[in-house]
Amino acid sequence: MSPQPRQLPLQLHHAEQLSRDDLVVTPANADAVALIDKWPEWPSPVAVLAGPPGCGKSHLATVWRDMAGADTTDADRLGRDMAMPTRPVLIDGIGDRPFDQDGLFHLINAVRARSGTLLLTTRLFPGGWGVTLPDLASRLKAATTVEIQEPDDALLAAVIAK
């Protein structure tokens, strides 16, 4: 009896491609890409990218972070020994779990006071975050909010081809 052929694992490395040139623009994400491309000439100092998992929010946030030289902070760090920003700020993934509402309120005020910018990415629109602080709710209503749709066939095909 001959031995069973051995399956050889292949070490295929896939480097993430997160530059602006790697973005695939389709109707599903065109508004969000346009917003990122307009920075720093945003309609308001706070921008929110909202969309389902896997739609490209983090890719767009990375492109903006690199372009803007932004600092990244986690929503869990809001209000805890957080220095007031001197550069643009990115919070990737806010709103799907509790966060320090006072901390976000003060961060938004600090960003506005120094004519800075803040980018928030989220799965939910800010109205679905359960914000109970009226002043924060007001600030979030004034933010520029752009929805990213589920990836369409053109976007999925282009990503697979990469």
N, C-alpha and C. Protein backbone atom coordinates (compact mmCIF):
# COMPACT_ATOMS: atom_id res chain seq x y z
N MET A 1 0.84 -1.16 0.00
CA MET A 1 0.00 0.00 0.00
C MET A 1 0.89 1.24 0.00
N SER A 2 0.58 2.17 -0.88
CA SER A 2 1.41 3.37 -0.99
C SER A 2 1.02 4.38 0.09
N PRO A 3 2.00 5.17 0.54
CA PRO A 3 1.69 6.15 1.59
C PRO A 3 0.76 7.25 1.06
N GLN A 4 0.01 7.76 1.98
CA GLN A 4 -0.91 8.86 1.67
C GLN A 4 -0.10 10.08 1.25
N PRO A 5 -0.45 10.75 0.13
CA PRO A 5 0.30 11.96 -0.23
C PRO A 5 0.14 13.02 0.87
N ARG A 6 1.23 13.67 1.15
CA ARG A 6 1.22 14.68 2.20
C ARG A 6 0.87 16.04 1.61
N GLN A 7 -0.03 16.72 2.26
CA GLN A 7 -0.41 18.06 1.81
C GLN A 7 0.60 19.06 2.36
N LEU A 8 1.14 19.85 1.46
CA LEU A 8 2.12 20.85 1.87
C LEU A 8 1.44 22.19 2.08
N PRO A 9 1.62 22.77 3.26
CA PRO A 9 1.04 24.10 3.47
C PRO A 9 1.84 25.15 2.71
N LEU A 10 1.16 26.06 2.10
CA LEU A 10 1.82 27.15 1.39
C LEU A 10 1.80 28.39 2.26
N GLN A 11 2.93 29.02 2.38
CA GLN A 11 3.02 30.25 3.15
C GLN A 11 2.74 31.43 2.21
N LEU A 12 1.49 31.72 2.03
CA LEU A 12 1.08 32.83 1.17
C LEU A 12 0.82 34.04 2.06
N HIS A 13 1.61 35.04 1.87
CA HIS A 13 1.46 36.25 2.67
C HIS A 13 0.63 37.26 1.89
N HIS A 14 -0.29 37.84 2.59
CA HIS A 14 -1.16 38.85 1.98
C HIS A 14 -1.00 40.13 2.77
N ALA A 15 -0.33 41.07 2.18
CA ALA A 15 -0.14 42.36 2.85
C ALA A 15 -1.39 43.21 2.64
N GLU A 16 -1.88 43.78 3.74
CA GLU A 16 -3.02 44.67 3.61
C GLU A 16 -2.63 45.88 2.78
N GLN A 17 -3.54 46.27 1.92
CA GLN A 17 -3.31 47.44 1.07
C GLN A 17 -4.30 48.51 1.49
N LEU A 18 -3.81 49.47 2.28
CA LEU A 18 -4.70 50.45 2.87
C LEU A 18 -4.37 51.88 2.48
N SER A 19 -3.75 52.08 1.32
CA SER A 19 -3.45 53.44 0.88
C SER A 19 -4.63 54.01 0.10
N ARG A 20 -4.56 55.29 -0.20
CA ARG A 20 -5.62 55.93 -0.99
C ARG A 20 -5.69 55.31 -2.37
N ASP A 21 -4.53 54.96 -2.94
CA ASP A 21 -4.51 54.35 -4.27
C ASP A 21 -5.17 52.98 -4.29
N ASP A 22 -5.25 52.33 -3.14
CA ASP A 22 -5.85 51.00 -3.06
C ASP A 22 -7.37 51.04 -2.89
N LEU A 23 -7.91 52.22 -2.66
CA LEU A 23 -9.36 52.34 -2.49
C LEU A 23 -10.07 52.07 -3.81
N VAL A 24 -11.08 51.26 -3.74
CA VAL A 24 -11.95 51.02 -4.89
C VAL A 24 -13.21 51.84 -4.65
N VAL A 25 -13.50 52.75 -5.56
CA VAL A 25 -14.65 53.64 -5.39
C VAL A 25 -15.81 53.14 -6.25
N THR A 26 -16.93 52.90 -5.59
CA THR A 26 -18.16 52.49 -6.27
C THR A 26 -19.30 53.30 -5.65
N PRO A 27 -20.50 53.18 -6.20
CA PRO A 27 -21.62 53.92 -5.60
C PRO A 27 -21.82 53.61 -4.11
N ALA A 28 -21.40 52.43 -3.65
CA ALA A 28 -21.58 52.05 -2.25
C ALA A 28 -20.78 52.93 -1.29
N ASN A 29 -19.62 53.42 -1.73
CA ASN A 29 -18.75 54.19 -0.83
C ASN A 29 -18.35 55.56 -1.37
N ALA A 30 -18.90 55.95 -2.50
CA ALA A 30 -18.46 57.18 -3.17
C ALA A 30 -18.60 58.43 -2.29
N ASP A 31 -19.69 58.54 -1.55
CA ASP A 31 -19.88 59.72 -0.70
C ASP A 31 -18.83 59.77 0.41
N ALA A 32 -18.51 58.63 0.98
CA ALA A 32 -17.51 58.58 2.05
C ALA A 32 -16.12 58.90 1.51
N VAL A 33 -15.79 58.38 0.35
CA VAL A 33 -14.48 58.68 -0.26
C VAL A 33 -14.39 60.17 -0.57
N ALA A 34 -15.48 60.74 -1.08
CA ALA A 34 -15.49 62.17 -1.39
C ALA A 34 -15.26 63.00 -0.12
N LEU A 35 -15.85 62.59 0.98
CA LEU A 35 -15.65 63.31 2.24
C LEU A 35 -14.18 63.25 2.66
N ILE A 36 -13.59 62.07 2.61
CA ILE A 36 -12.18 61.92 2.99
C ILE A 36 -11.31 62.77 2.08
N ASP A 37 -11.60 62.76 0.79
CA ASP A 37 -10.80 63.54 -0.16
C ASP A 37 -10.93 65.05 0.05
N LYS A 38 -12.04 65.50 0.62
CA LYS A 38 -12.25 66.94 0.84
C LYS A 38 -11.50 67.47 2.06
N TRP A 39 -11.03 66.58 2.93
CA TRP A 39 -10.35 67.06 4.14
C TRP A 39 -9.18 67.94 3.75
N PRO A 40 -8.92 69.04 4.40
CA PRO A 40 -9.52 69.54 5.64
C PRO A 40 -10.71 70.48 5.43
N GLU A 41 -11.22 70.53 4.23
CA GLU A 41 -12.36 71.42 3.92
C GLU A 41 -13.68 70.71 4.16
N TRP A 42 -13.86 70.17 5.35
CA TRP A 42 -15.11 69.50 5.70
C TRP A 42 -16.18 70.52 6.06
N PRO A 43 -17.46 70.17 5.86
CA PRO A 43 -18.54 71.08 6.23
C PRO A 43 -18.61 71.35 7.74
N SER A 44 -18.12 70.42 8.55
CA SER A 44 -18.10 70.60 10.00
C SER A 44 -16.83 69.93 10.54
N PRO A 45 -16.39 70.30 11.74
CA PRO A 45 -15.14 69.74 12.26
C PRO A 45 -15.23 68.27 12.65
N VAL A 46 -16.44 67.76 12.83
CA VAL A 46 -16.64 66.36 13.21
C VAL A 46 -17.33 65.65 12.06
N ALA A 47 -16.75 64.51 11.66
CA ALA A 47 -17.34 63.70 10.60
C ALA A 47 -17.55 62.28 11.12
N VAL A 48 -18.64 61.67 10.68
CA VAL A 48 -18.99 60.32 11.09
C VAL A 48 -19.17 59.47 9.83
N LEU A 49 -18.45 58.35 9.76
CA LEU A 49 -18.65 57.37 8.70
C LEU A 49 -19.40 56.20 9.32
N ALA A 50 -20.62 55.94 8.85
CA ALA A 50 -21.45 54.88 9.41
C ALA A 50 -21.73 53.84 8.34
N GLY A 51 -21.61 52.57 8.72
CA GLY A 51 -21.91 51.51 7.78
C GLY A 51 -21.73 50.15 8.41
N PRO A 52 -22.19 49.13 7.70
CA PRO A 52 -22.14 47.77 8.23
C PRO A 52 -20.71 47.23 8.30
N PRO A 53 -20.51 46.16 9.05
CA PRO A 53 -19.18 45.54 9.10
C PRO A 53 -18.72 45.15 7.70
N GLY A 54 -17.44 45.36 7.43
CA GLY A 54 -16.87 44.95 6.16
C GLY A 54 -17.10 45.89 5.01
N CYS A 55 -17.64 47.08 5.26
CA CYS A 55 -17.94 48.00 4.16
C CYS A 55 -16.77 48.91 3.82
N GLY A 56 -15.71 48.91 4.62
CA GLY A 56 -14.53 49.72 4.31
C GLY A 56 -14.31 50.93 5.20
N LYS A 57 -15.04 51.00 6.32
CA LYS A 57 -14.88 52.15 7.22
C LYS A 57 -13.45 52.28 7.72
N SER A 58 -12.88 51.17 8.17
CA SER A 58 -11.52 51.22 8.73
C SER A 58 -10.49 51.53 7.65
N HIS A 59 -10.69 51.04 6.44
CA HIS A 59 -9.78 51.37 5.34
C HIS A 59 -9.81 52.88 5.09
N LEU A 60 -11.00 53.43 4.98
CA LEU A 60 -11.13 54.88 4.77
C LEU A 60 -10.54 55.66 5.94
N ALA A 61 -10.77 55.18 7.15
CA ALA A 61 -10.22 55.85 8.34
C ALA A 61 -8.70 55.83 8.32
N THR A 62 -8.11 54.72 7.88
CA THR A 62 -6.65 54.63 7.80
C THR A 62 -6.11 55.58 6.75
N VAL A 63 -6.78 55.67 5.61
CA VAL A 63 -6.37 56.61 4.57
C VAL A 63 -6.40 58.03 5.13
N TRP A 64 -7.49 58.38 5.81
CA TRP A 64 -7.60 59.73 6.37
C TRP A 64 -6.55 59.97 7.46
N ARG A 65 -6.37 58.99 8.33
CA ARG A 65 -5.38 59.14 9.41
C ARG A 65 -4.00 59.44 8.85
N ASP A 66 -3.61 58.70 7.82
CA ASP A 66 -2.29 58.90 7.21
C ASP A 66 -2.22 60.26 6.51
N MET A 67 -3.27 60.62 5.81
CA MET A 67 -3.31 61.89 5.08
C MET A 67 -3.29 63.08 6.05
N ALA A 68 -4.05 62.97 7.14
CA ALA A 68 -4.21 64.09 8.08
C ALA A 68 -3.15 64.11 9.17
N GLY A 69 -2.36 63.04 9.27
CA GLY A 69 -1.41 62.95 10.39
C GLY A 69 -2.15 62.88 11.71
N ALA A 70 -3.26 62.17 11.72
CA ALA A 70 -4.14 62.14 12.89
C ALA A 70 -3.65 61.19 13.96
N ASP A 71 -4.02 61.53 15.19
CA ASP A 71 -3.83 60.62 16.32
C ASP A 71 -5.04 59.71 16.38
N THR A 72 -4.82 58.46 16.77
CA THR A 72 -5.90 57.50 16.92
C THR A 72 -6.10 57.22 18.40
N THR A 73 -7.34 57.21 18.82
CA THR A 73 -7.64 56.82 20.19
C THR A 73 -8.80 55.84 20.17
N ASP A 74 -8.89 55.06 21.20
CA ASP A 74 -9.95 54.07 21.32
C ASP A 74 -11.12 54.69 22.09
N ALA A 75 -12.32 54.32 21.75
CA ALA A 75 -13.49 54.85 22.44
C ALA A 75 -13.43 54.54 23.94
N ASP A 76 -12.78 53.44 24.30
CA ASP A 76 -12.66 53.07 25.71
C ASP A 76 -11.77 54.03 26.50
N ARG A 77 -10.95 54.81 25.82
CA ARG A 77 -10.03 55.74 26.50
C ARG A 77 -10.62 57.13 26.67
N LEU A 78 -11.77 57.38 26.13
CA LEU A 78 -12.36 58.72 26.24
C LEU A 78 -12.52 59.11 27.70
N GLY A 79 -12.04 60.31 28.01
CA GLY A 79 -12.20 60.84 29.35
C GLY A 79 -11.18 60.36 30.36
N ARG A 80 -10.39 59.35 30.03
CA ARG A 80 -9.41 58.81 30.98
C ARG A 80 -8.02 59.30 30.64
N ASP A 81 -7.54 60.26 31.38
CA ASP A 81 -6.19 60.78 31.19
C ASP A 81 -5.91 61.12 29.73
N MET A 82 -6.94 61.54 29.02
CA MET A 82 -6.77 61.83 27.61
C MET A 82 -6.31 63.28 27.44
N ALA A 83 -5.17 63.44 26.82
CA ALA A 83 -4.65 64.78 26.56
C ALA A 83 -5.52 65.45 25.50
N MET A 84 -5.66 66.74 25.61
CA MET A 84 -6.42 67.46 24.60
C MET A 84 -5.64 67.45 23.30
N PRO A 85 -6.32 67.25 22.20
CA PRO A 85 -5.64 67.02 20.92
C PRO A 85 -4.93 68.26 20.37
N THR A 86 -3.81 68.01 19.74
CA THR A 86 -3.11 69.07 19.01
C THR A 86 -3.12 68.76 17.52
N ARG A 87 -3.55 67.55 17.17
CA ARG A 87 -3.64 67.13 15.77
C ARG A 87 -5.04 66.58 15.53
N PRO A 88 -5.39 66.31 14.28
CA PRO A 88 -6.68 65.65 14.02
C PRO A 88 -6.76 64.34 14.80
N VAL A 89 -7.99 63.90 15.08
CA VAL A 89 -8.20 62.71 15.90
C VAL A 89 -9.12 61.74 15.18
N LEU A 90 -8.80 60.45 15.28
CA LEU A 90 -9.62 59.37 14.73
C LEU A 90 -10.05 58.46 15.87
N ILE A 91 -11.34 58.16 15.92
CA ILE A 91 -11.86 57.09 16.79
C ILE A 91 -12.56 56.11 15.87
N ASP A 92 -11.95 54.95 15.68
CA ASP A 92 -12.46 53.93 14.77
C ASP A 92 -13.26 52.91 15.58
N GLY A 93 -14.56 52.87 15.36
CA GLY A 93 -15.41 51.89 16.02
C GLY A 93 -16.03 52.39 17.31
N ILE A 94 -16.80 53.44 17.24
CA ILE A 94 -17.48 53.98 18.42
C ILE A 94 -18.97 53.72 18.28
N GLY A 95 -19.66 53.65 19.41
CA GLY A 95 -21.11 53.61 19.38
C GLY A 95 -21.75 52.25 19.49
N ASP A 96 -20.99 51.16 19.31
CA ASP A 96 -21.62 49.85 19.41
C ASP A 96 -21.47 49.25 20.81
N ARG A 97 -20.83 49.98 21.71
CA ARG A 97 -20.75 49.60 23.12
C ARG A 97 -20.69 50.90 23.93
N PRO A 98 -20.98 50.84 25.21
CA PRO A 98 -20.98 52.07 26.01
C PRO A 98 -19.62 52.79 25.97
N PHE A 99 -19.68 54.10 26.03
CA PHE A 99 -18.46 54.93 26.05
C PHE A 99 -18.72 56.13 26.95
N ASP A 100 -17.66 56.82 27.31
CA ASP A 100 -17.75 57.98 28.19
C ASP A 100 -18.31 59.17 27.39
N GLN A 101 -19.58 59.46 27.59
CA GLN A 101 -20.22 60.53 26.83
C GLN A 101 -19.63 61.89 27.17
N ASP A 102 -19.32 62.11 28.45
CA ASP A 102 -18.67 63.38 28.82
C ASP A 102 -17.32 63.51 28.13
N GLY A 103 -16.58 62.40 28.05
CA GLY A 103 -15.28 62.43 27.40
C GLY A 103 -15.38 62.80 25.93
N LEU A 104 -16.37 62.22 25.21
CA LEU A 104 -16.54 62.56 23.80
C LEU A 104 -17.00 64.00 23.65
N PHE A 105 -17.89 64.45 24.53
CA PHE A 105 -18.35 65.83 24.49
C PHE A 105 -17.17 66.79 24.63
N HIS A 106 -16.29 66.54 25.60
CA HIS A 106 -15.14 67.42 25.82
C HIS A 106 -14.14 67.33 24.67
N LEU A 107 -13.99 66.14 24.10
CA LEU A 107 -13.10 66.00 22.94
C LEU A 107 -13.63 66.82 21.77
N ILE A 108 -14.92 66.71 21.49
CA ILE A 108 -15.51 67.49 20.39
C ILE A 108 -15.32 68.98 20.63
N ASN A 109 -15.56 69.42 21.85
CA ASN A 109 -15.37 70.84 22.16
C ASN A 109 -13.93 71.27 21.96
N ALA A 110 -12.98 70.43 22.37
CA ALA A 110 -11.56 70.76 22.22
C ALA A 110 -11.18 70.83 20.74
N VAL A 111 -11.69 69.90 19.95
CA VAL A 111 -11.42 69.89 18.51
C VAL A 111 -11.98 71.16 17.88
N ARG A 112 -13.19 71.50 18.23
CA ARG A 112 -13.82 72.71 17.67
C ARG A 112 -13.09 73.97 18.10
N ALA A 113 -12.63 74.02 19.35
CA ALA A 113 -11.97 75.22 19.87
C ALA A 113 -10.67 75.52 19.15
N ARG A 114 -10.00 74.50 18.67
CA ARG A 114 -8.73 74.74 17.99
C ARG A 114 -8.86 74.59 16.47
N SER A 115 -10.10 74.59 15.98
CA SER A 115 -10.38 74.45 14.54
C SER A 115 -9.77 73.18 13.98
N GLY A 116 -9.86 72.11 14.76
CA GLY A 116 -9.33 70.81 14.33
C GLY A 116 -10.41 69.96 13.70
N THR A 117 -10.10 68.68 13.54
CA THR A 117 -11.05 67.75 12.95
C THR A 117 -11.04 66.44 13.73
N LEU A 118 -12.18 65.78 13.72
CA LEU A 118 -12.39 64.50 14.39
C LEU A 118 -13.17 63.60 13.45
N LEU A 119 -12.65 62.39 13.22
CA LEU A 119 -13.36 61.40 12.40
C LEU A 119 -13.77 60.24 13.30
N LEU A 120 -15.04 59.91 13.25
CA LEU A 120 -15.59 58.79 14.00
C LEU A 120 -16.10 57.76 13.01
N THR A 121 -15.78 56.48 13.23
CA THR A 121 -16.38 55.43 12.41
C THR A 121 -17.26 54.58 13.32
N THR A 122 -18.34 54.07 12.75
CA THR A 122 -19.34 53.38 13.56
C THR A 122 -20.21 52.48 12.69
N ARG A 123 -20.77 51.47 13.31
CA ARG A 123 -21.74 50.63 12.62
C ARG A 123 -23.13 51.25 12.68
N LEU A 124 -23.35 52.08 13.70
CA LEU A 124 -24.66 52.68 13.93
C LEU A 124 -24.59 54.19 13.72
N PHE A 125 -25.66 54.76 13.25
CA PHE A 125 -25.73 56.22 13.19
C PHE A 125 -25.72 56.75 14.62
N PRO A 126 -25.19 57.95 14.84
CA PRO A 126 -25.12 58.48 16.20
C PRO A 126 -26.46 58.47 16.95
N GLY A 127 -27.56 58.59 16.24
CA GLY A 127 -28.87 58.53 16.89
C GLY A 127 -29.15 57.19 17.55
N GLY A 128 -28.42 56.15 17.17
CA GLY A 128 -28.58 54.82 17.75
C GLY A 128 -27.59 54.48 18.84
N TRP A 129 -26.80 55.46 19.28
CA TRP A 129 -25.77 55.22 20.29
C TRP A 129 -26.30 55.27 21.72
N GLY A 130 -27.52 55.67 21.90
CA GLY A 130 -28.06 55.78 23.25
C GLY A 130 -27.49 56.95 24.04
N VAL A 131 -27.18 58.03 23.33
CA VAL A 131 -26.61 59.21 23.99
C VAL A 131 -27.67 59.85 24.88
N THR A 132 -27.31 60.07 26.14
CA THR A 132 -28.23 60.68 27.10
C THR A 132 -27.83 62.10 27.47
N LEU A 133 -26.65 62.51 27.09
CA LEU A 133 -26.15 63.86 27.38
C LEU A 133 -26.66 64.80 26.29
N PRO A 134 -27.59 65.71 26.59
CA PRO A 134 -28.18 66.56 25.56
C PRO A 134 -27.16 67.37 24.76
N ASP A 135 -26.14 67.90 25.41
CA ASP A 135 -25.14 68.69 24.69
C ASP A 135 -24.35 67.84 23.71
N LEU A 136 -24.07 66.59 24.08
CA LEU A 136 -23.37 65.69 23.16
C LEU A 136 -24.28 65.34 21.99
N ALA A 137 -25.54 65.05 22.27
CA ALA A 137 -26.48 64.75 21.19
C ALA A 137 -26.54 65.90 20.19
N SER A 138 -26.52 67.12 20.70
CA SER A 138 -26.54 68.30 19.83
C SER A 138 -25.28 68.37 18.97
N ARG A 139 -24.13 68.12 19.56
CA ARG A 139 -22.86 68.15 18.81
C ARG A 139 -22.86 67.07 17.72
N LEU A 140 -23.39 65.90 18.05
CA LEU A 140 -23.40 64.81 17.07
C LEU A 140 -24.39 65.10 15.93
N LYS A 141 -25.48 65.77 16.23
CA LYS A 141 -26.42 66.15 15.17
C LYS A 141 -25.79 67.15 14.21
N ALA A 142 -24.86 67.95 14.72
CA ALA A 142 -24.19 68.95 13.88
C ALA A 142 -23.04 68.35 13.06
N ALA A 143 -22.67 67.11 13.35
CA ALA A 143 -21.57 66.46 12.63
C ALA A 143 -22.00 66.12 11.21
N THR A 144 -21.02 66.06 10.33
CA THR A 144 -21.26 65.58 8.97
C THR A 144 -21.28 64.06 9.02
N THR A 145 -22.42 63.47 8.71
CA THR A 145 -22.56 62.01 8.78
C THR A 145 -22.76 61.46 7.38
N VAL A 146 -21.95 60.48 7.03
CA VAL A 146 -22.02 59.86 5.71
C VAL A 146 -22.20 58.36 5.89
N GLU A 147 -23.16 57.81 5.17
CA GLU A 147 -23.41 56.38 5.23
C GLU A 147 -22.63 55.66 4.13
N ILE A 148 -22.02 54.56 4.52
CA ILE A 148 -21.39 53.66 3.55
C ILE A 148 -22.32 52.46 3.43
N GLN A 149 -22.68 52.13 2.20
CA GLN A 149 -23.60 51.03 1.95
C GLN A 149 -22.87 49.69 2.04
N GLU A 150 -23.64 48.62 2.06
CA GLU A 150 -23.07 47.27 1.93
C GLU A 150 -22.24 47.25 0.65
N PRO A 151 -21.11 46.55 0.66
CA PRO A 151 -20.31 46.48 -0.57
C PRO A 151 -21.16 45.95 -1.73
N ASP A 152 -21.10 46.65 -2.86
CA ASP A 152 -21.84 46.21 -4.04
C ASP A 152 -20.99 45.23 -4.84
N ASP A 153 -21.57 44.66 -5.90
CA ASP A 153 -20.86 43.66 -6.70
C ASP A 153 -19.57 44.20 -7.30
N ALA A 154 -19.60 45.45 -7.75
CA ALA A 154 -18.40 46.05 -8.35
C ALA A 154 -17.27 46.16 -7.33
N LEU A 155 -17.61 46.55 -6.11
CA LEU A 155 -16.60 46.67 -5.06
C LEU A 155 -16.05 45.30 -4.68
N LEU A 156 -16.94 44.33 -4.49
CA LEU A 156 -16.49 42.99 -4.13
C LEU A 156 -15.60 42.39 -5.21
N ALA A 157 -15.97 42.56 -6.47
CA ALA A 157 -15.17 42.03 -7.57
C ALA A 157 -13.79 42.67 -7.60
N ALA A 158 -13.73 43.97 -7.39
CA ALA A 158 -12.44 44.67 -7.41
C ALA A 158 -11.56 44.25 -6.24
N VAL A 159 -12.15 44.06 -5.08
CA VAL A 159 -11.37 43.63 -3.91
C VAL A 159 -10.84 42.22 -4.12
N ILE A 160 -11.66 41.34 -4.66
CA ILE A 160 -11.21 39.97 -4.93
C ILE A 160 -10.09 39.96 -5.95
N ALA A 161 -10.19 40.82 -6.95
CA ALA A 161 -9.16 40.88 -8.00
C ALA A 161 -7.82 41.37 -7.46
N LYS A 162 -7.85 42.16 -6.39
CA LYS A 162 -6.60 42.66 -5.80
C LYS A 162 -5.89 41.51 -5.15
